[in-house]
């Protein structure tokens, strides 16, 4: 997410500045999170993880026998 925000966002430099501080200041940490949100990094990460999970499921699904455990695993994923 940080790399995405840095390369594709408007406030990537500020995000790195905050992270380099290694601060525990809540206001600065909230600012960093807000930057990630505004730059679309969270949406990118959600979509990327969804795609990766779907691809992984396509690979493993045919290898698993049909049973309750498979159904539960599918629901969990």
N, C-alpha and C. Protein backbone atom coordinates (compact mmCIF):
# COMPACT_ATOMS: atom_id res chain seq x y z
N UNK A 1 0.81 -1.18 0.00
CA UNK A 1 0.00 0.00 0.00
C UNK A 1 0.86 1.26 0.00
N UNK A 2 1.94 1.20 0.73
CA UNK A 2 2.81 2.36 0.82
C UNK A 2 3.46 2.63 -0.53
N UNK A 3 3.91 1.58 -1.19
CA UNK A 3 4.52 1.75 -2.50
C UNK A 3 3.50 2.29 -3.49
N UNK A 4 2.30 1.76 -3.44
CA UNK A 4 1.24 2.24 -4.33
C UNK A 4 1.00 3.73 -4.09
N UNK A 5 0.86 4.10 -2.85
CA UNK A 5 0.61 5.50 -2.51
C UNK A 5 1.76 6.38 -2.94
N UNK A 6 2.97 5.90 -2.74
CA UNK A 6 4.15 6.70 -3.12
C UNK A 6 4.20 6.92 -4.64
N UNK A 7 3.99 5.87 -5.41
CA UNK A 7 4.14 5.97 -6.86
C UNK A 7 2.92 6.59 -7.55
N UNK A 8 1.73 6.32 -7.04
CA UNK A 8 0.53 6.73 -7.76
C UNK A 8 -0.30 7.81 -7.06
N UNK A 9 0.05 8.12 -5.84
CA UNK A 9 -0.72 9.09 -5.08
C UNK A 9 -0.12 10.48 -5.14
N UNK A 10 -0.86 11.40 -4.56
CA UNK A 10 -0.43 12.79 -4.54
C UNK A 10 0.40 13.13 -3.31
N UNK A 11 0.32 12.32 -2.28
CA UNK A 11 0.97 12.65 -1.01
C UNK A 11 1.98 11.59 -0.57
N UNK A 12 2.53 10.87 -1.52
CA UNK A 12 3.47 9.81 -1.19
C UNK A 12 4.70 10.30 -0.44
N UNK A 13 5.18 11.47 -0.80
CA UNK A 13 6.36 12.01 -0.12
C UNK A 13 6.05 12.29 1.36
N UNK A 14 4.88 12.84 1.61
CA UNK A 14 4.48 13.14 3.00
C UNK A 14 4.30 11.83 3.77
N UNK A 15 3.75 10.82 3.13
CA UNK A 15 3.59 9.53 3.79
C UNK A 15 4.94 8.97 4.22
N UNK A 16 5.91 9.00 3.32
CA UNK A 16 7.25 8.51 3.67
C UNK A 16 7.88 9.34 4.77
N UNK A 17 7.64 10.62 4.73
CA UNK A 17 8.17 11.50 5.78
C UNK A 17 7.63 11.09 7.15
N UNK A 18 6.34 10.83 7.22
CA UNK A 18 5.73 10.42 8.48
C UNK A 18 6.27 9.06 8.92
N UNK A 19 6.36 8.13 8.00
CA UNK A 19 6.85 6.79 8.35
C UNK A 19 8.30 6.81 8.78
N UNK A 20 9.10 7.66 8.17
CA UNK A 20 10.51 7.78 8.55
C UNK A 20 10.68 8.33 9.97
N UNK A 21 9.68 9.05 10.45
CA UNK A 21 9.74 9.59 11.81
C UNK A 21 9.66 8.48 12.87
N UNK A 22 9.09 7.34 12.48
CA UNK A 22 8.87 6.23 13.42
C UNK A 22 8.16 6.75 14.68
N UNK A 23 7.16 7.56 14.43
CA UNK A 23 6.45 8.24 15.50
C UNK A 23 5.31 7.39 16.06
N UNK A 24 4.92 7.71 17.26
CA UNK A 24 3.73 7.13 17.87
C UNK A 24 2.67 8.20 18.05
N UNK A 25 2.91 9.37 17.49
CA UNK A 25 1.97 10.47 17.56
C UNK A 25 0.70 10.10 16.79
N UNK A 26 -0.40 10.04 17.51
CA UNK A 26 -1.66 9.56 16.92
C UNK A 26 -2.12 10.45 15.76
N UNK A 27 -1.94 11.74 15.88
CA UNK A 27 -2.36 12.65 14.81
C UNK A 27 -1.59 12.38 13.52
N UNK A 28 -0.29 12.15 13.65
CA UNK A 28 0.52 11.86 12.46
C UNK A 28 0.17 10.50 11.87
N UNK A 29 -0.08 9.53 12.72
CA UNK A 29 -0.47 8.21 12.22
C UNK A 29 -1.82 8.26 11.51
N UNK A 30 -2.73 9.05 12.06
CA UNK A 30 -4.03 9.23 11.39
C UNK A 30 -3.84 9.91 10.04
N UNK A 31 -2.93 10.86 9.99
CA UNK A 31 -2.64 11.53 8.72
C UNK A 31 -2.10 10.53 7.70
N UNK A 32 -1.22 9.65 8.14
CA UNK A 32 -0.67 8.64 7.24
C UNK A 32 -1.77 7.72 6.71
N UNK A 33 -2.66 7.30 7.58
CA UNK A 33 -3.77 6.44 7.16
C UNK A 33 -4.66 7.20 6.18
N UNK A 34 -4.92 8.45 6.46
CA UNK A 34 -5.76 9.26 5.58
C UNK A 34 -5.12 9.40 4.19
N UNK A 35 -3.82 9.53 4.16
CA UNK A 35 -3.12 9.60 2.87
C UNK A 35 -3.33 8.31 2.09
N UNK A 36 -3.20 7.18 2.78
CA UNK A 36 -3.40 5.89 2.11
C UNK A 36 -4.82 5.78 1.56
N UNK A 37 -5.78 6.25 2.31
CA UNK A 37 -7.17 6.21 1.87
C UNK A 37 -7.37 7.12 0.66
N UNK A 38 -6.91 8.36 0.77
CA UNK A 38 -7.10 9.34 -0.31
C UNK A 38 -6.38 8.95 -1.59
N UNK A 39 -5.25 8.31 -1.47
CA UNK A 39 -4.49 7.90 -2.65
C UNK A 39 -5.02 6.62 -3.28
N UNK A 40 -6.01 5.99 -2.65
CA UNK A 40 -6.61 4.78 -3.20
C UNK A 40 -5.84 3.52 -2.89
N UNK A 41 -4.87 3.61 -1.99
CA UNK A 41 -4.03 2.45 -1.69
C UNK A 41 -4.82 1.34 -1.00
N UNK A 42 -5.77 1.69 -0.15
CA UNK A 42 -6.57 0.67 0.52
C UNK A 42 -7.47 -0.05 -0.47
N UNK A 43 -8.09 0.70 -1.36
CA UNK A 43 -8.93 0.08 -2.38
C UNK A 43 -8.11 -0.81 -3.29
N UNK A 44 -6.92 -0.37 -3.63
CA UNK A 44 -6.02 -1.17 -4.46
C UNK A 44 -5.68 -2.48 -3.75
N UNK A 45 -5.34 -2.40 -2.47
CA UNK A 45 -4.96 -3.60 -1.72
C UNK A 45 -6.13 -4.57 -1.60
N UNK A 46 -7.32 -4.05 -1.37
CA UNK A 46 -8.51 -4.91 -1.29
C UNK A 46 -8.75 -5.63 -2.62
N UNK A 47 -8.68 -4.89 -3.70
CA UNK A 47 -8.93 -5.48 -5.02
C UNK A 47 -7.85 -6.49 -5.38
N UNK A 48 -6.60 -6.15 -5.06
CA UNK A 48 -5.48 -7.06 -5.35
C UNK A 48 -5.62 -8.36 -4.56
N UNK A 49 -5.96 -8.25 -3.28
CA UNK A 49 -6.11 -9.46 -2.46
C UNK A 49 -7.29 -10.30 -2.93
N UNK A 50 -8.36 -9.64 -3.35
CA UNK A 50 -9.52 -10.37 -3.88
C UNK A 50 -9.14 -11.15 -5.14
N UNK A 51 -8.42 -10.52 -6.03
CA UNK A 51 -7.98 -11.18 -7.26
C UNK A 51 -7.05 -12.35 -6.96
N UNK A 52 -6.13 -12.15 -6.05
CA UNK A 52 -5.19 -13.22 -5.69
C UNK A 52 -5.93 -14.40 -5.08
N UNK A 53 -6.90 -14.13 -4.24
CA UNK A 53 -7.68 -15.19 -3.60
C UNK A 53 -8.49 -15.96 -4.64
N UNK A 54 -9.12 -15.24 -5.56
CA UNK A 54 -9.90 -15.90 -6.60
C UNK A 54 -9.01 -16.79 -7.47
N UNK A 55 -7.84 -16.29 -7.82
CA UNK A 55 -6.90 -17.09 -8.62
C UNK A 55 -6.44 -18.33 -7.87
N UNK A 56 -6.15 -18.18 -6.60
CA UNK A 56 -5.71 -19.31 -5.78
C UNK A 56 -6.82 -20.35 -5.66
N UNK A 57 -8.05 -19.87 -5.47
CA UNK A 57 -9.18 -20.79 -5.32
C UNK A 57 -9.40 -21.59 -6.61
N UNK A 58 -9.22 -20.93 -7.76
CA UNK A 58 -9.37 -21.63 -9.04
C UNK A 58 -8.36 -22.77 -9.16
N UNK A 59 -7.17 -22.56 -8.62
CA UNK A 59 -6.13 -23.59 -8.68
C UNK A 59 -6.39 -24.75 -7.73
N UNK A 60 -6.87 -24.43 -6.52
CA UNK A 60 -7.00 -25.48 -5.51
C UNK A 60 -8.36 -26.17 -5.51
N UNK A 61 -9.39 -25.49 -5.95
CA UNK A 61 -10.75 -26.03 -5.89
C UNK A 61 -10.90 -27.39 -6.56
N UNK A 62 -10.33 -27.58 -7.76
CA UNK A 62 -10.48 -28.90 -8.39
C UNK A 62 -9.75 -30.03 -7.66
N UNK A 63 -8.81 -29.70 -6.83
CA UNK A 63 -8.02 -30.71 -6.12
C UNK A 63 -8.70 -31.20 -4.84
N UNK A 64 -9.68 -30.45 -4.37
CA UNK A 64 -10.34 -30.79 -3.11
C UNK A 64 -11.62 -31.59 -3.37
N UNK A 65 -11.83 -32.60 -2.55
CA UNK A 65 -13.05 -33.39 -2.64
C UNK A 65 -14.23 -32.55 -2.16
N UNK A 66 -15.39 -32.81 -2.72
CA UNK A 66 -16.58 -32.11 -2.28
C UNK A 66 -16.96 -32.60 -0.88
N UNK A 67 -17.00 -31.67 0.07
CA UNK A 67 -17.36 -32.00 1.45
C UNK A 67 -17.65 -30.70 2.20
N UNK A 68 -18.10 -30.83 3.43
CA UNK A 68 -18.41 -29.66 4.24
C UNK A 68 -17.18 -28.78 4.46
N UNK A 69 -16.05 -29.41 4.66
CA UNK A 69 -14.83 -28.65 4.92
C UNK A 69 -14.48 -27.77 3.71
N UNK A 70 -14.66 -28.31 2.51
CA UNK A 70 -14.40 -27.53 1.30
C UNK A 70 -15.36 -26.35 1.22
N UNK A 71 -16.62 -26.60 1.54
CA UNK A 71 -17.61 -25.53 1.53
C UNK A 71 -17.26 -24.44 2.54
N UNK A 72 -16.83 -24.87 3.72
CA UNK A 72 -16.47 -23.91 4.77
C UNK A 72 -15.23 -23.10 4.35
N UNK A 73 -14.28 -23.76 3.74
CA UNK A 73 -13.08 -23.08 3.26
C UNK A 73 -13.45 -22.06 2.18
N UNK A 74 -14.35 -22.44 1.31
CA UNK A 74 -14.80 -21.52 0.26
C UNK A 74 -15.49 -20.30 0.87
N UNK A 75 -16.34 -20.53 1.84
CA UNK A 75 -17.03 -19.42 2.51
C UNK A 75 -16.05 -18.52 3.24
N UNK A 76 -15.07 -19.12 3.87
CA UNK A 76 -14.06 -18.34 4.61
C UNK A 76 -13.26 -17.46 3.66
N UNK A 77 -12.93 -18.02 2.52
CA UNK A 77 -12.14 -17.25 1.57
C UNK A 77 -12.98 -16.20 0.90
